[in-house]
Amino acid sequence: MRKLKMAPLYIYLTLVFSLWSFVFFSGCVHIREGFRGFLGTSIKVLEEGRKDAVKSVFPYDYFTCYTKTLDILKKHKSYVYAEEIKKYMIAIYISSQDTTPVGLFFTEIDKNNTQIEVSSASKFARELISQRIYSELQK
């Protein structure tokens, strides 16, 4: 029977120190958001960019607008990395090759109208995704 080798103590200490550092340096950021930032899937930048978002209102209830938008994004092969129907948002990369983040935020105006805000730090990405979605939703 073989004996299992134990990893040297410095490996364990390095892992513990790395985890502790991650939690400590996250500061007042929620740990989940800090972890998302570490993985590259944070939506904080997209939320902050909403002031420059491209906005438009469509004659659909929220659920219909959300699902139609998701279908359009998948049709154009955008990579959806976060979707939260209860938080009224979808976060995507333009494609699996172009990882420019774009956020879509939904606001229910009334029972039959929903506003979509397309947010991104990249003006090109914001315009491209809003044009794709808005043109198909207006059909």
N, C-alpha and C. Protein backbone atom coordinates (compact mmCIF):
# COMPACT_ATOMS: atom_id res chain seq x y z
N MET A 1 0.84 -1.18 0.00
CA MET A 1 0.00 0.00 0.00
C MET A 1 0.89 1.25 0.00
N ARG A 2 0.55 2.21 -0.85
CA ARG A 2 1.35 3.44 -0.95
C ARG A 2 0.94 4.44 0.12
N LYS A 3 1.91 5.18 0.56
CA LYS A 3 1.62 6.27 1.48
C LYS A 3 1.38 7.53 0.66
N LEU A 4 0.38 8.29 1.08
CA LEU A 4 0.13 9.57 0.42
C LEU A 4 1.12 10.60 0.91
N LYS A 5 1.65 11.36 -0.03
CA LYS A 5 2.58 12.42 0.35
C LYS A 5 1.79 13.65 0.76
N MET A 6 2.23 14.28 1.78
CA MET A 6 1.62 15.52 2.23
C MET A 6 2.35 16.67 1.55
N ALA A 7 1.59 17.68 1.15
CA ALA A 7 2.20 18.86 0.54
C ALA A 7 2.98 19.61 1.62
N PRO A 8 4.04 20.27 1.22
CA PRO A 8 4.81 21.04 2.19
C PRO A 8 3.95 22.14 2.83
N LEU A 9 4.32 22.48 4.02
CA LEU A 9 3.59 23.46 4.81
C LEU A 9 3.48 24.81 4.09
N TYR A 10 4.50 25.19 3.34
CA TYR A 10 4.46 26.50 2.69
C TYR A 10 3.33 26.60 1.66
N ILE A 11 2.93 25.49 1.07
CA ILE A 11 1.81 25.52 0.12
C ILE A 11 0.51 25.83 0.84
N TYR A 12 0.31 25.18 1.98
CA TYR A 12 -0.89 25.45 2.77
C TYR A 12 -0.91 26.89 3.27
N LEU A 13 0.22 27.35 3.74
CA LEU A 13 0.30 28.73 4.24
C LEU A 13 0.05 29.74 3.13
N THR A 14 0.56 29.45 1.93
CA THR A 14 0.35 30.34 0.79
C THR A 14 -1.14 30.41 0.43
N LEU A 15 -1.81 29.27 0.42
CA LEU A 15 -3.25 29.26 0.13
C LEU A 15 -4.05 30.03 1.17
N VAL A 16 -3.75 29.80 2.44
CA VAL A 16 -4.46 30.50 3.52
C VAL A 16 -4.19 32.00 3.43
N PHE A 17 -2.94 32.38 3.21
CA PHE A 17 -2.60 33.80 3.09
C PHE A 17 -3.30 34.44 1.90
N SER A 18 -3.36 33.73 0.77
CA SER A 18 -4.03 34.27 -0.43
C SER A 18 -5.51 34.50 -0.17
N LEU A 19 -6.16 33.54 0.44
CA LEU A 19 -7.58 33.68 0.76
C LEU A 19 -7.81 34.82 1.73
N TRP A 20 -7.00 34.91 2.76
CA TRP A 20 -7.13 35.99 3.74
C TRP A 20 -6.91 37.35 3.07
N SER A 21 -5.90 37.44 2.20
CA SER A 21 -5.61 38.70 1.50
C SER A 21 -6.78 39.12 0.63
N PHE A 22 -7.36 38.16 -0.05
CA PHE A 22 -8.50 38.45 -0.92
C PHE A 22 -9.64 39.06 -0.10
N VAL A 23 -9.98 38.45 1.02
CA VAL A 23 -11.07 38.94 1.86
C VAL A 23 -10.70 40.30 2.45
N PHE A 24 -9.47 40.46 2.93
CA PHE A 24 -9.04 41.71 3.55
C PHE A 24 -9.04 42.87 2.56
N PHE A 25 -8.49 42.66 1.37
CA PHE A 25 -8.36 43.74 0.40
C PHE A 25 -9.65 44.02 -0.36
N SER A 26 -10.67 43.21 -0.15
CA SER A 26 -11.97 43.50 -0.74
C SER A 26 -12.58 44.72 -0.07
N GLY A 27 -12.10 45.05 1.11
CA GLY A 27 -12.57 46.24 1.82
C GLY A 27 -14.05 46.21 2.06
N CYS A 28 -14.72 47.32 1.74
CA CYS A 28 -16.15 47.41 1.98
C CYS A 28 -16.95 46.82 0.82
N VAL A 29 -16.26 46.28 -0.17
CA VAL A 29 -16.94 45.61 -1.27
C VAL A 29 -17.49 44.29 -0.73
N HIS A 30 -18.70 43.99 -1.11
CA HIS A 30 -19.28 42.71 -0.71
C HIS A 30 -18.37 41.60 -1.22
N ILE A 31 -18.16 40.56 -0.44
CA ILE A 31 -17.24 39.49 -0.82
C ILE A 31 -17.62 38.88 -2.16
N ARG A 32 -18.91 38.71 -2.40
CA ARG A 32 -19.35 38.12 -3.67
C ARG A 32 -18.93 39.00 -4.85
N GLU A 33 -19.11 40.31 -4.72
CA GLU A 33 -18.73 41.23 -5.80
C GLU A 33 -17.21 41.25 -5.97
N GLY A 34 -16.48 41.18 -4.86
CA GLY A 34 -15.03 41.12 -4.94
C GLY A 34 -14.56 39.87 -5.67
N PHE A 35 -15.21 38.75 -5.40
CA PHE A 35 -14.88 37.50 -6.08
C PHE A 35 -15.22 37.59 -7.56
N ARG A 36 -16.35 38.23 -7.88
CA ARG A 36 -16.72 38.42 -9.30
C ARG A 36 -15.67 39.27 -10.01
N GLY A 37 -15.18 40.30 -9.33
CA GLY A 37 -14.13 41.14 -9.91
C GLY A 37 -12.87 40.33 -10.17
N PHE A 38 -12.54 39.45 -9.24
CA PHE A 38 -11.37 38.58 -9.39
C PHE A 38 -11.54 37.67 -10.60
N LEU A 39 -12.75 37.17 -10.83
CA LEU A 39 -13.01 36.28 -11.96
C LEU A 39 -13.22 37.03 -13.27
N GLY A 40 -13.42 38.36 -13.19
CA GLY A 40 -13.65 39.14 -14.40
C GLY A 40 -15.11 39.19 -14.81
N THR A 41 -16.02 38.89 -13.88
CA THR A 41 -17.44 38.89 -14.21
C THR A 41 -18.21 39.91 -13.38
N SER A 42 -17.55 40.92 -12.90
CA SER A 42 -18.21 41.94 -12.09
C SER A 42 -19.11 42.83 -12.96
N ILE A 43 -20.21 43.28 -12.38
CA ILE A 43 -21.11 44.18 -13.11
C ILE A 43 -21.05 45.60 -12.54
N LYS A 44 -20.16 45.82 -11.58
CA LYS A 44 -20.08 47.13 -10.94
C LYS A 44 -19.79 48.25 -11.95
N VAL A 45 -18.86 48.02 -12.85
CA VAL A 45 -18.51 49.03 -13.87
C VAL A 45 -19.72 49.31 -14.76
N LEU A 46 -20.47 48.27 -15.07
CA LEU A 46 -21.65 48.43 -15.93
C LEU A 46 -22.73 49.23 -15.21
N GLU A 47 -22.89 48.98 -13.92
CA GLU A 47 -23.87 49.75 -13.14
C GLU A 47 -23.47 51.22 -13.03
N GLU A 48 -22.17 51.45 -12.85
CA GLU A 48 -21.68 52.83 -12.77
C GLU A 48 -21.82 53.56 -14.10
N GLY A 49 -21.76 52.84 -15.22
CA GLY A 49 -21.85 53.44 -16.54
C GLY A 49 -23.27 53.70 -17.01
N ARG A 50 -24.25 53.43 -16.16
CA ARG A 50 -25.65 53.63 -16.58
C ARG A 50 -25.97 55.08 -16.90
N LYS A 51 -25.20 56.00 -16.37
CA LYS A 51 -25.46 57.42 -16.65
C LYS A 51 -25.23 57.75 -18.13
N ASP A 52 -24.37 56.97 -18.79
CA ASP A 52 -24.09 57.16 -20.22
C ASP A 52 -24.79 56.12 -21.10
N ALA A 53 -25.70 55.37 -20.52
CA ALA A 53 -26.34 54.25 -21.25
C ALA A 53 -27.23 54.75 -22.38
N VAL A 54 -27.38 53.90 -23.38
CA VAL A 54 -28.33 54.14 -24.46
C VAL A 54 -29.66 53.58 -23.97
N LYS A 55 -30.71 54.42 -24.00
CA LYS A 55 -32.00 54.03 -23.42
C LYS A 55 -33.11 54.08 -24.46
N SER A 56 -34.04 53.14 -24.31
CA SER A 56 -35.21 53.13 -25.18
C SER A 56 -36.33 52.35 -24.49
N VAL A 57 -37.57 52.73 -24.80
CA VAL A 57 -38.74 52.08 -24.21
C VAL A 57 -39.44 51.24 -25.29
N PHE A 58 -39.88 50.04 -24.91
CA PHE A 58 -40.53 49.12 -25.83
C PHE A 58 -41.90 48.71 -25.30
N PRO A 59 -42.84 48.48 -26.21
CA PRO A 59 -44.22 48.15 -25.81
C PRO A 59 -44.40 46.67 -25.44
N TYR A 60 -43.61 46.22 -24.47
CA TYR A 60 -43.71 44.85 -23.98
C TYR A 60 -43.74 44.89 -22.46
N ASP A 61 -44.39 43.88 -21.87
CA ASP A 61 -44.29 43.76 -20.42
C ASP A 61 -42.86 43.32 -20.11
N TYR A 62 -42.47 43.44 -18.85
CA TYR A 62 -41.08 43.19 -18.47
C TYR A 62 -40.62 41.78 -18.86
N PHE A 63 -41.36 40.76 -18.51
CA PHE A 63 -40.94 39.38 -18.76
C PHE A 63 -40.76 39.12 -20.25
N THR A 64 -41.69 39.57 -21.06
CA THR A 64 -41.59 39.38 -22.51
C THR A 64 -40.36 40.11 -23.06
N CYS A 65 -40.16 41.33 -22.63
CA CYS A 65 -39.02 42.13 -23.09
C CYS A 65 -37.70 41.45 -22.70
N TYR A 66 -37.63 40.97 -21.48
CA TYR A 66 -36.43 40.30 -20.98
C TYR A 66 -36.13 39.05 -21.79
N THR A 67 -37.13 38.19 -21.99
CA THR A 67 -36.90 36.93 -22.72
C THR A 67 -36.60 37.16 -24.20
N LYS A 68 -37.28 38.14 -24.82
CA LYS A 68 -36.99 38.46 -26.22
C LYS A 68 -35.55 38.97 -26.36
N THR A 69 -35.13 39.81 -25.43
CA THR A 69 -33.77 40.35 -25.46
C THR A 69 -32.75 39.23 -25.31
N LEU A 70 -33.00 38.32 -24.41
CA LEU A 70 -32.11 37.18 -24.21
C LEU A 70 -32.01 36.33 -25.48
N ASP A 71 -33.14 36.13 -26.15
CA ASP A 71 -33.14 35.37 -27.41
C ASP A 71 -32.33 36.09 -28.49
N ILE A 72 -32.48 37.40 -28.57
CA ILE A 72 -31.73 38.19 -29.56
C ILE A 72 -30.22 38.08 -29.30
N LEU A 73 -29.84 38.19 -28.03
CA LEU A 73 -28.43 38.10 -27.67
C LEU A 73 -27.85 36.74 -28.04
N LYS A 74 -28.61 35.69 -27.78
CA LYS A 74 -28.14 34.34 -28.11
C LYS A 74 -28.07 34.15 -29.63
N LYS A 75 -29.01 34.74 -30.34
CA LYS A 75 -29.02 34.65 -31.81
C LYS A 75 -27.75 35.27 -32.40
N HIS A 76 -27.30 36.37 -31.79
CA HIS A 76 -26.10 37.06 -32.26
C HIS A 76 -24.82 36.53 -31.61
N LYS A 77 -24.96 35.43 -30.87
CA LYS A 77 -23.83 34.74 -30.24
C LYS A 77 -23.10 35.59 -29.21
N SER A 78 -23.82 36.46 -28.54
CA SER A 78 -23.24 37.18 -27.41
C SER A 78 -23.11 36.20 -26.26
N TYR A 79 -22.08 36.36 -25.47
CA TYR A 79 -21.83 35.46 -24.34
C TYR A 79 -22.43 36.06 -23.07
N VAL A 80 -23.48 35.44 -22.58
CA VAL A 80 -24.15 35.92 -21.36
C VAL A 80 -23.39 35.37 -20.16
N TYR A 81 -22.79 36.27 -19.35
CA TYR A 81 -22.06 35.81 -18.18
C TYR A 81 -22.79 36.06 -16.88
N ALA A 82 -23.84 36.84 -16.91
CA ALA A 82 -24.65 37.04 -15.71
C ALA A 82 -26.05 37.46 -16.14
N GLU A 83 -27.03 36.77 -15.59
CA GLU A 83 -28.41 37.18 -15.85
C GLU A 83 -29.20 36.99 -14.56
N GLU A 84 -29.87 38.03 -14.17
CA GLU A 84 -30.65 37.98 -12.94
C GLU A 84 -31.99 38.64 -13.22
N ILE A 85 -32.98 37.80 -13.49
CA ILE A 85 -34.30 38.30 -13.85
C ILE A 85 -34.92 39.12 -12.71
N LYS A 86 -34.63 38.73 -11.47
CA LYS A 86 -35.19 39.47 -10.32
C LYS A 86 -34.50 40.81 -10.12
N LYS A 87 -33.26 40.94 -10.62
CA LYS A 87 -32.54 42.21 -10.50
C LYS A 87 -32.63 43.04 -11.78
N TYR A 88 -33.44 42.56 -12.74
CA TYR A 88 -33.70 43.30 -13.98
C TYR A 88 -32.44 43.59 -14.77
N MET A 89 -31.55 42.59 -14.93
CA MET A 89 -30.31 42.84 -15.66
C MET A 89 -29.79 41.61 -16.36
N ILE A 90 -29.03 41.88 -17.42
CA ILE A 90 -28.28 40.86 -18.15
C ILE A 90 -26.90 41.46 -18.41
N ALA A 91 -25.85 40.69 -18.14
CA ALA A 91 -24.49 41.15 -18.43
C ALA A 91 -23.90 40.20 -19.47
N ILE A 92 -23.31 40.78 -20.51
CA ILE A 92 -22.79 39.96 -21.61
C ILE A 92 -21.39 40.43 -22.02
N TYR A 93 -20.75 39.55 -22.80
CA TYR A 93 -19.61 39.94 -23.61
C TYR A 93 -20.14 39.96 -25.03
N ILE A 94 -19.62 40.85 -25.86
CA ILE A 94 -20.11 40.96 -27.23
C ILE A 94 -20.12 39.60 -27.92
N SER A 95 -19.08 38.82 -27.72
CA SER A 95 -19.01 37.45 -28.25
C SER A 95 -18.04 36.67 -27.38
N SER A 96 -17.86 35.41 -27.67
CA SER A 96 -16.90 34.63 -26.88
C SER A 96 -15.46 35.05 -27.19
N GLN A 97 -15.24 35.70 -28.34
CA GLN A 97 -13.90 36.19 -28.68
C GLN A 97 -13.69 37.63 -28.22
N ASP A 98 -14.72 38.44 -28.27
CA ASP A 98 -14.63 39.86 -27.87
C ASP A 98 -15.25 39.99 -26.49
N THR A 99 -14.41 40.08 -25.48
CA THR A 99 -14.90 40.09 -24.10
C THR A 99 -15.11 41.51 -23.55
N THR A 100 -15.59 42.40 -24.40
CA THR A 100 -15.97 43.72 -23.93
C THR A 100 -17.30 43.57 -23.19
N PRO A 101 -17.34 43.97 -21.90
CA PRO A 101 -18.58 43.78 -21.14
C PRO A 101 -19.64 44.82 -21.49
N VAL A 102 -20.88 44.35 -21.55
CA VAL A 102 -22.03 45.21 -21.82
C VAL A 102 -23.13 44.79 -20.84
N GLY A 103 -23.78 45.77 -20.24
CA GLY A 103 -24.87 45.48 -19.32
C GLY A 103 -26.19 45.97 -19.88
N LEU A 104 -27.22 45.17 -19.70
CA LEU A 104 -28.58 45.56 -20.11
C LEU A 104 -29.43 45.62 -18.84
N PHE A 105 -29.98 46.78 -18.59
CA PHE A 105 -30.78 46.99 -17.39
C PHE A 105 -32.21 47.32 -17.80
N PHE A 106 -33.15 46.65 -17.19
CA PHE A 106 -34.56 46.77 -17.54
C PHE A 106 -35.29 47.53 -16.45
N THR A 107 -36.17 48.44 -16.87
CA THR A 107 -37.02 49.17 -15.95
C THR A 107 -38.46 49.03 -16.43
N GLU A 108 -39.30 48.51 -15.58
CA GLU A 108 -40.70 48.34 -15.93
C GLU A 108 -41.40 49.69 -15.76
N ILE A 109 -41.75 50.31 -16.88
CA ILE A 109 -42.41 51.62 -16.86
C ILE A 109 -43.85 51.45 -16.38
N ASP A 110 -44.57 50.53 -16.99
CA ASP A 110 -45.91 50.14 -16.56
C ASP A 110 -46.14 48.71 -17.03
N LYS A 111 -47.37 48.26 -16.94
CA LYS A 111 -47.66 46.86 -17.28
C LYS A 111 -47.29 46.48 -18.71
N ASN A 112 -47.35 47.45 -19.62
CA ASN A 112 -47.13 47.16 -21.05
C ASN A 112 -45.92 47.84 -21.66
N ASN A 113 -45.08 48.47 -20.86
CA ASN A 113 -43.91 49.18 -21.39
C ASN A 113 -42.69 48.93 -20.52
N THR A 114 -41.58 48.66 -21.17
CA THR A 114 -40.33 48.40 -20.46
C THR A 114 -39.20 49.19 -21.10
N GLN A 115 -38.38 49.82 -20.26
CA GLN A 115 -37.22 50.55 -20.75
C GLN A 115 -35.99 49.65 -20.64
N ILE A 116 -35.16 49.69 -21.67
CA ILE A 116 -33.88 48.97 -21.65
C ILE A 116 -32.76 50.00 -21.71
N GLU A 117 -31.80 49.86 -20.79
CA GLU A 117 -30.60 50.69 -20.80
C GLU A 117 -29.43 49.78 -21.17
N VAL A 118 -28.67 50.17 -22.18
CA VAL A 118 -27.49 49.41 -22.60
C VAL A 118 -26.27 50.19 -22.12
N SER A 119 -25.51 49.58 -21.22
CA SER A 119 -24.38 50.25 -20.59
C SER A 119 -23.08 49.52 -20.89
N SER A 120 -22.03 50.28 -21.15
CA SER A 120 -20.70 49.72 -21.35
C SER A 120 -19.69 50.86 -21.27
N ALA A 121 -18.49 50.52 -20.86
CA ALA A 121 -17.41 51.52 -20.87
C ALA A 121 -17.00 51.84 -22.30
N SER A 122 -17.29 50.91 -23.21
CA SER A 122 -16.95 51.09 -24.63
C SER A 122 -18.15 51.66 -25.38
N LYS A 123 -17.96 52.83 -25.99
CA LYS A 123 -19.04 53.43 -26.77
C LYS A 123 -19.42 52.53 -27.94
N PHE A 124 -18.43 51.93 -28.58
CA PHE A 124 -18.68 51.03 -29.70
C PHE A 124 -19.57 49.86 -29.27
N ALA A 125 -19.24 49.23 -28.16
CA ALA A 125 -20.01 48.08 -27.68
C ALA A 125 -21.43 48.49 -27.32
N ARG A 126 -21.55 49.63 -26.68
CA ARG A 126 -22.87 50.16 -26.28
C ARG A 126 -23.75 50.37 -27.51
N GLU A 127 -23.19 50.99 -28.53
CA GLU A 127 -23.93 51.28 -29.76
C GLU A 127 -24.26 50.00 -30.53
N LEU A 128 -23.30 49.10 -30.63
CA LEU A 128 -23.50 47.85 -31.37
C LEU A 128 -24.62 47.01 -30.76
N ILE A 129 -24.56 46.79 -29.46
CA ILE A 129 -25.55 45.94 -28.81
C ILE A 129 -26.92 46.62 -28.79
N SER A 130 -26.96 47.91 -28.53
CA SER A 130 -28.26 48.59 -28.53
C SER A 130 -28.89 48.55 -29.92
N GLN A 131 -28.09 48.72 -30.96
CA GLN A 131 -28.63 48.66 -32.33
C GLN A 131 -29.18 47.27 -32.63
N ARG A 132 -28.46 46.23 -32.25
CA ARG A 132 -28.92 44.85 -32.48
C ARG A 132 -30.26 44.59 -31.78
N ILE A 133 -30.31 44.96 -30.53
CA ILE A 133 -31.51 44.66 -29.73
C ILE A 133 -32.68 45.54 -30.15
N TYR A 134 -32.43 46.84 -30.22
CA TYR A 134 -33.53 47.77 -30.49
C TYR A 134 -34.15 47.53 -31.86
N SER A 135 -33.32 47.23 -32.87
CA SER A 135 -33.88 47.02 -34.21
C SER A 135 -34.78 45.79 -34.24
N GLU A 136 -34.42 44.74 -33.53
CA GLU A 136 -35.24 43.54 -33.53
C GLU A 136 -36.47 43.67 -32.64
N LEU A 137 -36.37 44.41 -31.56
CA LEU A 137 -37.52 44.60 -30.69
C LEU A 137 -38.56 45.54 -31.31
N GLN A 138 -38.16 46.39 -32.23
CA GLN A 138 -39.08 47.31 -32.86
C GLN A 138 -39.84 46.70 -34.02
N LYS A 139 -39.47 45.49 -34.45
CA LYS A 139 -40.14 44.82 -35.56
C LYS A 139 -41.57 44.46 -35.19
